[in-house]
Amino acid sequence: MTAGAVAGILEHTVMYPVDSVKTRMQSLQPDPKAQYRSVFEALRKIVRTEGLWRPLRGINVTVIGAGPAHALYFACYEKMKHTLSDIIQHGGNSHLANGILT
């Protein structure tokens, strides 16, 4: 669970600025003045006009939610993997776990 929580937090922390820019680019498409040519250009303009921390605004809530969510996901995944592995080893239906164990 700890590995899942740490991995989820790191993933969301690294990708959060990119997701913020992506969301901004999607929401401003109809306005020709606000269109950006690339993610890097959008990130540069946002930082220059709104400050260094603007792309990270709201990351604290994402990190707080990502830890428990990824910990539970990882724990459930491992439990199901072991359960289905035991079923297959005892002559169960191998089609049931085909996609999960690969």
PDB file of N, CA and C in Angstrom:
ATOM      1  N   MET A   1       0.817  -1.194   0.000  1.00  0.00           N
ATOM      2  CA  MET A   1       0.000   0.000   0.000  1.00  0.00           C
ATOM      3  C   MET A   1       0.862   1.260   0.000  1.00  0.00           C
ATOM      4  N   THR A   2       1.952   1.201   0.742  1.00  0.00           N
ATOM      5  CA  THR A   2       2.835   2.358   0.792  1.00  0.00           C
ATOM      6  C   THR A   2       3.443   2.645  -0.576  1.00  0.00           C
ATOM      7  N   ALA A   3       3.865   1.589  -1.262  1.00  0.00           N
ATOM      8  CA  ALA A   3       4.443   1.762  -2.607  1.00  0.00           C
ATOM      9  C   ALA A   3       3.418   2.369  -3.555  1.00  0.00           C
ATOM     10  N   GLY A   4       2.183   1.912  -3.483  1.00  0.00           N
ATOM     11  CA  GLY A   4       1.134   2.461  -4.331  1.00  0.00           C
ATOM     12  C   GLY A   4       0.852   3.923  -4.023  1.00  0.00           C
ATOM     13  N   ALA A   5       0.817   4.257  -2.740  1.00  0.00           N
ATOM     14  CA  ALA A   5       0.553   5.646  -2.339  1.00  0.00           C
ATOM     15  C   ALA A   5       1.678   6.570  -2.804  1.00  0.00           C
ATOM     16  N   VAL A   6       2.918   6.152  -2.599  1.00  0.00           N
ATOM     17  CA  VAL A   6       4.054   6.984  -3.006  1.00  0.00           C
ATOM     18  C   VAL A   6       4.086   7.140  -4.523  1.00  0.00           C
ATOM     19  N   ALA A   7       3.861   6.052  -5.243  1.00  0.00           N
ATOM     20  CA  ALA A   7       3.866   6.123  -6.708  1.00  0.00           C
ATOM     21  C   ALA A   7       2.759   7.047  -7.213  1.00  0.00           C
ATOM     22  N   GLY A   8       1.571   6.942  -6.640  1.00  0.00           N
ATOM     23  CA  GLY A   8       0.459   7.799  -7.051  1.00  0.00           C
ATOM     24  C   GLY A   8       0.719   9.265  -6.764  1.00  0.00           C
ATOM     25  N   ILE A   9       1.260   9.544  -5.584  1.00  0.00           N
ATOM     26  CA  ILE A   9       1.562  10.935  -5.228  1.00  0.00           C
ATOM     27  C   ILE A   9       2.621  11.511  -6.164  1.00  0.00           C
ATOM     28  N   LEU A  10       3.669  10.748  -6.428  1.00  0.00           N
ATOM     29  CA  LEU A  10       4.726  11.234  -7.328  1.00  0.00           C
ATOM     30  C   LEU A  10       4.200  11.455  -8.739  1.00  0.00           C
ATOM     31  N   GLU A  11       3.388  10.526  -9.212  1.00  0.00           N
ATOM     32  CA  GLU A  11       2.831  10.672 -10.562  1.00  0.00           C
ATOM     33  C   GLU A  11       1.992  11.946 -10.674  1.00  0.00           C
ATOM     34  N   HIS A  12       1.102  12.151  -9.721  1.00  0.00           N
ATOM     35  CA  HIS A  12       0.230  13.327  -9.774  1.00  0.00           C
ATOM     36  C   HIS A  12       1.009  14.623  -9.560  1.00  0.00           C
ATOM     37  N   THR A  13       2.037  14.577  -8.724  1.00  0.00           N
ATOM     38  CA  THR A  13       2.840  15.767  -8.476  1.00  0.00           C
ATOM     39  C   THR A  13       3.615  16.179  -9.725  1.00  0.00           C
ATOM     40  N   VAL A  14       4.185  15.210 -10.420  1.00  0.00           N
ATOM     41  CA  VAL A  14       4.969  15.512 -11.619  1.00  0.00           C
ATOM     42  C   VAL A  14       4.068  15.976 -12.760  1.00  0.00           C
ATOM     43  N   MET A  15       2.917  15.355 -12.912  1.00  0.00           N
ATOM     44  CA  MET A  15       2.047  15.649 -14.051  1.00  0.00           C
ATOM     45  C   MET A  15       1.076  16.795 -13.807  1.00  0.00           C
ATOM     46  N   TYR A  16       0.954  17.276 -12.588  1.00  0.00           N
ATOM     47  CA  TYR A  16      -0.040  18.295 -12.272  1.00  0.00           C
ATOM     48  C   TYR A  16       0.118  19.580 -13.088  1.00  0.00           C
ATOM     49  N   PRO A  17       1.329  20.138 -13.223  1.00  0.00           N
ATOM     50  CA  PRO A  17       1.450  21.359 -14.040  1.00  0.00           C
ATOM     51  C   PRO A  17       1.038  21.130 -15.499  1.00  0.00           C
ATOM     52  N   VAL A  18       1.375  19.977 -16.041  1.00  0.00           N
ATOM     53  CA  VAL A  18       1.000  19.670 -17.423  1.00  0.00           C
ATOM     54  C   VAL A  18      -0.519  19.551 -17.538  1.00  0.00           C
ATOM     55  N   ASP A  19      -1.147  18.895 -16.569  1.00  0.00           N
ATOM     56  CA  ASP A  19      -2.609  18.777 -16.583  1.00  0.00           C
ATOM     57  C   ASP A  19      -3.282  20.138 -16.429  1.00  0.00           C
ATOM     58  N   SER A  20      -2.696  21.008 -15.615  1.00  0.00           N
ATOM     59  CA  SER A  20      -3.259  22.351 -15.452  1.00  0.00           C
ATOM     60  C   SER A  20      -3.223  23.118 -16.775  1.00  0.00           C
ATOM     61  N   VAL A  21      -2.097  23.029 -17.466  1.00  0.00           N
ATOM     62  CA  VAL A  21      -1.962  23.712 -18.752  1.00  0.00           C
ATOM     63  C   VAL A  21      -2.912  23.098 -19.778  1.00  0.00           C
ATOM     64  N   LYS A  22      -3.009  21.783 -19.793  1.00  0.00           N
ATOM     65  CA  LYS A  22      -3.905  21.105 -20.735  1.00  0.00           C
ATOM     66  C   LYS A  22      -5.350  21.547 -20.522  1.00  0.00           C
ATOM     67  N   THR A  23      -5.764  21.613 -19.272  1.00  0.00           N
ATOM     68  CA  THR A  23      -7.119  22.045 -18.961  1.00  0.00           C
ATOM     69  C   THR A  23      -7.346  23.486 -19.395  1.00  0.00           C
ATOM     70  N   ARG A  24      -6.368  24.329 -19.157  1.00  0.00           N
ATOM     71  CA  ARG A  24      -6.477  25.732 -19.576  1.00  0.00           C
ATOM     72  C   ARG A  24      -6.569  25.824 -21.094  1.00  0.00           C
ATOM     73  N   MET A  25      -5.762  25.053 -21.807  1.00  0.00           N
ATOM     74  CA  MET A  25      -5.777  25.095 -23.269  1.00  0.00           C
ATOM     75  C   MET A  25      -7.125  24.614 -23.817  1.00  0.00           C
ATOM     76  N   GLN A  26      -7.691  23.591 -23.200  1.00  0.00           N
ATOM     77  CA  GLN A  26      -8.981  23.077 -23.659  1.00  0.00           C
ATOM     78  C   GLN A  26     -10.106  24.063 -23.396  1.00  0.00           C
ATOM     79  N   SER A  27     -10.060  24.740 -22.268  1.00  0.00           N
ATOM     80  CA  SER A  27     -11.161  25.632 -21.910  1.00  0.00           C
ATOM     81  C   SER A  27     -11.095  26.971 -22.641  1.00  0.00           C
ATOM     82  N   LEU A  28      -9.935  27.362 -23.146  1.00  0.00           N
ATOM     83  CA  LEU A  28      -9.793  28.654 -23.812  1.00  0.00           C
ATOM     84  C   LEU A  28      -9.793  28.550 -25.341  1.00  0.00           C
ATOM     85  N   GLN A  29     -10.137  27.440 -25.902  1.00  0.00           N
ATOM     86  CA  GLN A  29     -10.080  27.255 -27.345  1.00  0.00           C
ATOM     87  C   GLN A  29     -10.914  28.277 -28.130  1.00  0.00           C
ATOM     88  N   PRO A  30     -12.135  28.620 -27.733  1.00  0.00           N
ATOM     89  CA  PRO A  30     -12.916  29.561 -28.549  1.00  0.00           C
ATOM     90  C   PRO A  30     -12.351  30.983 -28.586  1.00  0.00           C
ATOM     91  N   ASP A  31     -11.558  31.357 -27.607  1.00  0.00           N
ATOM     92  CA  ASP A  31     -11.023  32.716 -27.532  1.00  0.00           C
ATOM     93  C   ASP A  31      -9.705  32.798 -28.313  1.00  0.00           C
ATOM     94  N   PRO A  32      -9.680  33.473 -29.480  1.00  0.00           N
ATOM     95  CA  PRO A  32      -8.454  33.506 -30.288  1.00  0.00           C
ATOM     96  C   PRO A  32      -7.286  34.212 -29.609  1.00  0.00           C
ATOM     97  N   LYS A  33      -7.559  35.139 -28.690  1.00  0.00           N
ATOM     98  CA  LYS A  33      -6.479  35.841 -27.995  1.00  0.00           C
ATOM     99  C   LYS A  33      -5.764  34.937 -26.993  1.00  0.00           C
ATOM    100  N   ALA A  34      -6.462  33.942 -26.489  1.00  0.00           N
ATOM    101  CA  ALA A  34      -5.902  33.113 -25.427  1.00  0.00           C
ATOM    102  C   ALA A  34      -5.353  31.781 -25.927  1.00  0.00           C
ATOM    103  N   GLN A  35      -5.369  31.549 -27.207  1.00  0.00           N
ATOM    104  CA  GLN A  35      -4.887  30.266 -27.718  1.00  0.00           C
ATOM    105  C   GLN A  35      -3.366  30.180 -27.609  1.00  0.00           C
ATOM    106  N   TYR A  36      -2.903  28.984 -27.321  1.00  0.00           N
ATOM    107  CA  TYR A  36      -1.480  28.715 -27.214  1.00  0.00           C
ATOM    108  C   TYR A  36      -1.078  27.752 -28.329  1.00  0.00           C
ATOM    109  N   ARG A  37       0.158  27.847 -28.777  1.00  0.00           N
ATOM    110  CA  ARG A  37       0.631  26.962 -29.842  1.00  0.00           C
ATOM    111  C   ARG A  37       1.135  25.631 -29.317  1.00  0.00           C
ATOM    112  N   SER A  38       1.613  25.596 -28.064  1.00  0.00           N
ATOM    113  CA  SER A  38       2.134  24.355 -27.496  1.00  0.00           C
ATOM    114  C   SER A  38       1.974  24.391 -25.984  1.00  0.00           C
ATOM    115  N   VAL A  39       2.160  23.243 -25.371  1.00  0.00           N
ATOM    116  CA  VAL A  39       2.063  23.152 -23.918  1.00  0.00           C
ATOM    117  C   VAL A  39       3.186  23.964 -23.265  1.00  0.00           C
ATOM    118  N   PHE A  40       4.384  23.869 -23.834  1.00  0.00           N
ATOM    119  CA  PHE A  40       5.513  24.614 -23.269  1.00  0.00           C
ATOM    120  C   PHE A  40       5.279  26.123 -23.352  1.00  0.00           C
ATOM    121  N   GLU A  41       4.774  26.589 -24.491  1.00  0.00           N
ATOM    122  CA  GLU A  41       4.492  28.016 -24.635  1.00  0.00           C
ATOM    123  C   GLU A  41       3.416  28.460 -23.643  1.00  0.00           C
ATOM    124  N   ALA A  42       2.384  27.644 -23.483  1.00  0.00           N
ATOM    125  CA  ALA A  42       1.318  27.975 -22.538  1.00  0.00           C
ATOM    126  C   ALA A  42       1.856  28.030 -21.113  1.00  0.00           C
ATOM    127  N   LEU A  43       2.666  27.066 -20.740  1.00  0.00           N
ATOM    128  CA  LEU A  43       3.240  27.052 -19.396  1.00  0.00           C
ATOM    129  C   LEU A  43       4.123  28.286 -19.176  1.00  0.00           C
ATOM    130  N   ARG A  44       4.912  28.641 -20.163  1.00  0.00           N
ATOM    131  CA  ARG A  44       5.781  29.818 -20.060  1.00  0.00           C
ATOM    132  C   ARG A  44       4.963  31.101 -19.904  1.00  0.00           C
ATOM    133  N   LYS A  45       3.891  31.228 -20.700  1.00  0.00           N
ATOM    134  CA  LYS A  45       3.051  32.434 -20.601  1.00  0.00           C
ATOM    135  C   LYS A  45       2.330  32.515 -19.258  1.00  0.00           C
ATOM    136  N   ILE A  46       1.849  31.391 -18.791  1.00  0.00           N
ATOM    137  CA  ILE A  46       1.140  31.378 -17.502  1.00  0.00           C
ATOM    138  C   ILE A  46       2.086  31.783 -16.382  1.00  0.00           C
ATOM    139  N   VAL A  47       3.287  31.211 -16.367  1.00  0.00           N
ATOM    140  CA  VAL A  47       4.262  31.543 -15.322  1.00  0.00           C
ATOM    141  C   VAL A  47       4.677  33.011 -15.416  1.00  0.00           C
ATOM    142  N   ARG A  48       4.874  33.505 -16.622  1.00  0.00           N
ATOM    143  CA  ARG A  48       5.307  34.894 -16.810  1.00  0.00           C
ATOM    144  C   ARG A  48       4.224  35.891 -16.382  1.00  0.00           C
ATOM    145  N   THR A  49       2.962  35.612 -16.719  1.00  0.00           N
ATOM    146  CA  THR A  49       1.897  36.581 -16.440  1.00  0.00           C
ATOM    147  C   THR A  49       1.224  36.395 -15.086  1.00  0.00           C
ATOM    148  N   GLU A  50       1.187  35.151 -14.580  1.00  0.00           N
ATOM    149  CA  GLU A  50       0.430  34.886 -13.355  1.00  0.00           C
ATOM    150  C   GLU A  50       1.290  34.436 -12.179  1.00  0.00           C
ATOM    151  N   GLY A  51       2.554  34.202 -12.418  1.00  0.00           N
ATOM    152  CA  GLY A  51       3.449  33.806 -11.331  1.00  0.00           C
ATOM    153  C   GLY A  51       3.893  32.358 -11.432  1.00  0.00           C
ATOM    154  N   LEU A  52       4.997  32.076 -10.762  1.00  0.00           N
ATOM    155  CA  LEU A  52       5.623  30.754 -10.807  1.00  0.00           C
ATOM    156  C   LEU A  52       4.733  29.650 -10.247  1.00  0.00           C
ATOM    157  N   TRP A  53       3.965  29.962  -9.226  1.00  0.00           N
ATOM    158  CA  TRP A  53       3.194  28.922  -8.535  1.00  0.00           C
ATOM    159  C   TRP A  53       1.812  28.678  -9.131  1.00  0.00           C
ATOM    160  N   ARG A  54       1.404  29.456 -10.121  1.00  0.00           N
ATOM    161  CA  ARG A  54       0.055  29.317 -10.683  1.00  0.00           C
ATOM    162  C   ARG A  54      -0.235  27.910 -11.259  1.00  0.00           C
ATOM    163  N   PRO A  55       0.684  27.296 -11.993  1.00  0.00           N
ATOM    164  CA  PRO A  55       0.387  25.954 -12.516  1.00  0.00           C
ATOM    165  C   PRO A  55       0.256  24.883 -11.425  1.00  0.00           C
ATOM    166  N   LEU A  56       0.702  25.211 -10.205  1.00  0.00           N
ATOM    167  CA  LEU A  56       0.622  24.248  -9.098  1.00  0.00           C
ATOM    168  C   LEU A  56      -0.545  24.530  -8.152  1.00  0.00           C
ATOM    169  N   ARG A  57      -1.351  25.523  -8.489  1.00  0.00           N
ATOM    170  CA  ARG A  57      -2.456  25.890  -7.609  1.00  0.00           C
ATOM    171  C   ARG A  57      -3.442  24.725  -7.507  1.00  0.00           C
ATOM    172  N   GLY A  58      -3.700  24.281  -6.289  1.00  0.00           N
ATOM    173  CA  GLY A  58      -4.621  23.174  -6.046  1.00  0.00           C
ATOM    174  C   GLY A  58      -3.966  21.814  -5.955  1.00  0.00           C
ATOM    175  N   ILE A  59      -2.655  21.753  -6.047  1.00  0.00           N
ATOM    176  CA  ILE A  59      -1.970  20.459  -6.014  1.00  0.00           C
ATOM    177  C   ILE A  59      -2.116  19.768  -4.661  1.00  0.00           C
ATOM    178  N   ASN A  60      -2.257  20.560  -3.579  1.00  0.00           N
ATOM    179  CA  ASN A  60      -2.372  19.965  -2.246  1.00  0.00           C
ATOM    180  C   ASN A  60      -3.584  19.040  -2.138  1.00  0.00           C
ATOM    181  N   VAL A  61      -4.690  19.420  -2.712  1.00  0.00           N
ATOM    182  CA  VAL A  61      -5.891  18.585  -2.667  1.00  0.00           C
ATOM    183  C   VAL A  61      -5.688  17.311  -3.485  1.00  0.00           C
ATOM    184  N   THR A  62      -5.034  17.442  -4.619  1.00  0.00           N
ATOM    185  CA  THR A  62      -4.766  16.285  -5.461  1.00  0.00           C
ATOM    186  C   THR A  62      -3.850  15.295  -4.749  1.00  0.00           C
ATOM    187  N   VAL A  63      -2.826  15.784  -4.096  1.00  0.00           N
ATOM    188  CA  VAL A  63      -1.888  14.913  -3.376  1.00  0.00           C
ATOM    189  C   VAL A  63      -2.585  14.215  -2.215  1.00  0.00           C
ATOM    190  N   ILE A  64      -3.426  14.941  -1.500  1.00  0.00           N
ATOM    191  CA  ILE A  64      -4.143  14.346  -0.368  1.00  0.00           C
ATOM    192  C   ILE A  64      -5.066  13.227  -0.841  1.00  0.00           C
ATOM    193  N   GLY A  65      -5.679  13.395  -1.990  1.00  0.00           N
ATOM    194  CA  GLY A  65      -6.568  12.354  -2.507  1.00  0.00           C
ATOM    195  C   GLY A  65      -5.838  11.233  -3.212  1.00  0.00           C
ATOM    196  N   ALA A  66      -4.692  11.530  -3.830  1.00  0.00           N
ATOM    197  CA  ALA A  66      -3.970  10.523  -4.609  1.00  0.00           C
ATOM    198  C   ALA A  66      -3.357   9.444  -3.725  1.00  0.00           C
ATOM    199  N   GLY A  67      -2.844   9.805  -2.576  1.00  0.00           N
ATOM    200  CA  GLY A  67      -2.205   8.823  -1.691  1.00  0.00           C
ATOM    201  C   GLY A  67      -3.137   7.688  -1.309  1.00  0.00           C
ATOM    202  N   PRO A  68      -4.251   7.981  -0.650  1.00  0.00           N
ATOM    203  CA  PRO A  68      -5.171   6.907  -0.272  1.00  0.00           C
ATOM    204  C   PRO A  68      -5.776   6.168  -1.474  1.00  0.00           C
ATOM    205  N   ALA A  69      -6.081   6.893  -2.531  1.00  0.00           N
ATOM    206  CA  ALA A  69      -6.690   6.247  -3.701  1.00  0.00           C
ATOM    207  C   ALA A  69      -5.746   5.230  -4.323  1.00  0.00           C
ATOM    208  N   HIS A  70      -4.503   5.606  -4.517  1.00  0.00           N
ATOM    209  CA  HIS A  70      -3.541   4.684  -5.124  1.00  0.00           C
ATOM    210  C   HIS A  70      -3.139   3.570  -4.164  1.00  0.00           C
ATOM    211  N   ALA A  71      -3.124   3.846  -2.869  1.00  0.00           N
ATOM    212  CA  ALA A  71      -2.840   2.789  -1.899  1.00  0.00           C
ATOM    213  C   ALA A  71      -3.929   1.712  -1.952  1.00  0.00           C
ATOM    214  N   LEU A  72      -5.177   2.125  -1.990  1.00  0.00           N
ATOM    215  CA  LEU A  72      -6.277   1.152  -2.072  1.00  0.00           C
ATOM    216  C   LEU A  72      -6.282   0.422  -3.408  1.00  0.00           C
ATOM    217  N   TYR A  73      -6.030   1.137  -4.479  1.00  0.00           N
ATOM    218  CA  TYR A  73      -5.973   0.509  -5.797  1.00  0.00           C
ATOM    219  C   TYR A  73      -4.888  -0.557  -5.833  1.00  0.00           C
ATOM    220  N   PHE A  74      -3.701  -0.229  -5.342  1.00  0.00           N
ATOM    221  CA  PHE A  74      -2.575  -1.157  -5.353  1.00  0.00           C
ATOM    222  C   PHE A  74      -2.867  -2.370  -4.477  1.00  0.00           C
ATOM    223  N   ALA A  75      -3.441  -2.145  -3.289  1.00  0.00           N
ATOM    224  CA  ALA A  75      -3.762  -3.251  -2.386  1.00  0.00           C
ATOM    225  C   ALA A  75      -4.817  -4.173  -2.997  1.00  0.00           C
ATOM    226  N   CYS A  76      -5.854  -3.606  -3.596  1.00  0.00           N
ATOM    227  CA  CYS A  76      -6.891  -4.421  -4.233  1.00  0.00           C
ATOM    228  C   CYS A  76      -6.342  -5.192  -5.424  1.00  0.00           C
ATOM    229  N   TYR A  77      -5.487  -4.559  -6.197  1.00  0.00           N
ATOM    230  CA  TYR A  77      -4.888  -5.221  -7.347  1.00  0.00           C
ATOM    231  C   TYR A  77      -4.062  -6.432  -6.898  1.00  0.00           C
ATOM    232  N   GLU A  78      -3.225  -6.250  -5.880  1.00  0.00           N
ATOM    233  CA  GLU A  78      -2.387  -7.347  -5.396  1.00  0.00           C
ATOM    234  C   GLU A  78      -3.235  -8.475  -4.814  1.00  0.00           C
ATOM    235  N   LYS A  79      -4.280  -8.133  -4.077  1.00  0.00           N
ATOM    236  CA  LYS A  79      -5.162  -9.149  -3.491  1.00  0.00           C
ATOM    237  C   LYS A  79      -5.854  -9.953  -4.584  1.00  0.00           C
ATOM    238  N   MET A  80      -6.377  -9.284  -5.594  1.00  0.00           N
ATOM    239  CA  MET A  80      -7.050  -9.992  -6.696  1.00  0.00           C
ATOM    240  C   MET A  80      -6.057 -10.831  -7.496  1.00  0.00           C
ATOM    241  N   LYS A  81      -4.852 -10.353  -7.673  1.00  0.00           N
ATOM    242  CA  LYS A  81      -3.838 -11.098  -8.404  1.00  0.00           C
ATOM    243  C   LYS A  81      -3.520 -12.407  -7.683  1.00  0.00           C
ATOM    244  N   HIS A  82      -3.356 -12.337  -6.370  1.00  0.00           N
ATOM    245  CA  HIS A  82      -3.071 -13.552  -5.601  1.00  0.00           C
ATOM    246  C   HIS A  82      -4.271 -14.487  -5.563  1.00  0.00           C
ATOM    247  N   THR A  83      -5.461 -13.939  -5.415  1.00  0.00           N
ATOM    248  CA  THR A  83      -6.668 -14.766  -5.376  1.00  0.00           C
ATOM    249  C   THR A  83      -6.866 -15.500  -6.693  1.00  0.00           C
ATOM    250  N   LEU A  84      -6.762 -14.791  -7.789  1.00  0.00           N
ATOM    251  CA  LEU A  84      -6.945 -15.424  -9.093  1.00  0.00           C
ATOM    252  C   LEU A  84      -5.811 -16.380  -9.418  1.00  0.00           C
ATOM    253  N   SER A  85      -4.625 -16.098  -8.948  1.00  0.00           N
ATOM    254  CA  SER A  85      -3.498 -17.006  -9.144  1.00  0.00           C
ATOM    255  C   SER A  85      -3.760 -18.326  -8.419  1.00  0.00           C
ATOM    256  N   ASP A  86      -4.309 -18.258  -7.200  1.00  0.00           N
ATOM    257  CA  ASP A  86      -4.647 -19.476  -6.453  1.00  0.00           C
ATOM    258  C   ASP A  86      -5.734 -20.270  -7.159  1.00  0.00           C
ATOM    259  N   ILE A  87      -6.722 -19.599  -7.727  1.00  0.00           N
ATOM    260  CA  ILE A  87      -7.803 -20.278  -8.445  1.00  0.00           C
ATOM    261  C   ILE A  87      -7.242 -21.034  -9.644  1.00  0.00           C
ATOM    262  N   ILE A  88      -6.352 -20.409 -10.376  1.00  0.00           N
ATOM    263  CA  ILE A  88      -5.779 -21.038 -11.570  1.00  0.00           C
ATOM    264  C   ILE A  88      -4.917 -22.230 -11.184  1.00  0.00           C
ATOM    265  N   GLN A  89      -4.129 -22.109 -10.115  1.00  0.00           N
ATOM    266  CA  GLN A  89      -3.246 -23.197  -9.695  1.00  0.00           C
ATOM    267  C   GLN A  89      -4.028 -24.411  -9.233  1.00  0.00           C
ATOM    268  N   HIS A  90      -5.250 -24.221  -8.765  1.00  0.00           N
ATOM    269  CA  HIS A  90      -6.079 -25.327  -8.291  1.00  0.00           C
ATOM    270  C   HIS A  90      -7.069 -25.796  -9.350  1.00  0.00           C
ATOM    271  N   GLY A  91      -6.780 -25.553 -10.614  1.00  0.00           N
ATOM    272  CA  GLY A  91      -7.612 -26.070 -11.691  1.00  0.00           C
ATOM    273  C   GLY A  91      -8.809 -25.218 -12.043  1.00  0.00           C
ATOM    274  N   GLY A  92      -8.793 -23.969 -11.661  1.00  0.00           N
ATOM    275  CA  GLY A  92      -9.908 -23.083 -11.984  1.00  0.00           C
ATOM    276  C   GLY A  92      -9.857 -22.630 -13.434  1.00  0.00           C
ATOM    277  N   ASN A  93     -10.780 -21.791 -13.790  1.00  0.00           N
ATOM    278  CA  ASN A  93     -10.889 -21.280 -15.152  1.00  0.00           C
ATOM    279  C   ASN A  93      -9.779 -20.263 -15.410  1.00  0.00           C
ATOM    280  N   SER A  94      -8.861 -20.588 -16.326  1.00  0.00           N
ATOM    281  CA  SER A  94      -7.733 -19.701 -16.588  1.00  0.00           C
ATOM    282  C   SER A  94      -8.142 -18.457 -17.372  1.00  0.00           C
ATOM    283  N   HIS A  95      -9.289 -18.493 -18.044  1.00  0.00           N
ATOM    284  CA  HIS A  95      -9.743 -17.326 -18.798  1.00  0.00           C
ATOM    285  C   HIS A  95     -10.126 -16.174 -17.870  1.00  0.00           C
ATOM    286  N   LEU A  96     -10.476 -16.513 -16.643  1.00  0.00           N
ATOM    287  CA  LEU A  96     -10.902 -15.501 -15.676  1.00  0.00           C
ATOM    288  C   LEU A  96      -9.789 -14.503 -15.373  1.00  0.00           C
ATOM    289  N   ALA A  97      -8.566 -14.977 -15.255  1.00  0.00           N
ATOM    290  CA  ALA A  97      -7.460 -14.113 -14.831  1.00  0.00           C
ATOM    291  C   ALA A  97      -6.476 -13.805 -15.949  1.00  0.00           C
ATOM    292  N   ASN A  98      -6.812 -14.131 -17.147  1.00  0.00           N
ATOM    293  CA  ASN A  98      -5.871 -13.947 -18.263  1.00  0.00           C
ATOM    294  C   ASN A  98      -5.347 -12.534 -18.345  1.00  0.00           C
ATOM    295  N   GLY A  99      -6.200 -11.548 -18.323  1.00  0.00           N
ATOM    296  CA  GLY A  99      -5.766 -10.160 -18.477  1.00  0.00           C
ATOM    297  C   GLY A  99      -5.126  -9.600 -17.234  1.00  0.00           C
ATOM    298  N   ILE A 100      -5.446 -10.115 -16.062  1.00  0.00           N
ATOM    299  CA  ILE A 100      -4.944  -9.536 -14.815  1.00  0.00           C
ATOM    300  C   ILE A 100      -3.524 -10.009 -14.513  1.00  0.00           C
ATOM    301  N   LEU A 101      -3.188 -11.238 -14.822  1.00  0.00           N
ATOM    302  CA  LEU A 101      -1.896 -11.768 -14.436  1.00  0.00           C
ATOM    303  C   LEU A 101      -0.784 -11.499 -15.443  1.00  0.00           C
ATOM    304  N   THR A 102      -1.130 -10.943 -16.582  1.00  0.00           N
ATOM    305  CA  THR A 102      -0.077 -10.706 -17.571  1.00  0.00           C
ATOM    306  C   THR A 102       0.570  -9.367 -17.384  1.00  0.00           C
TER     307      THR A 102
END
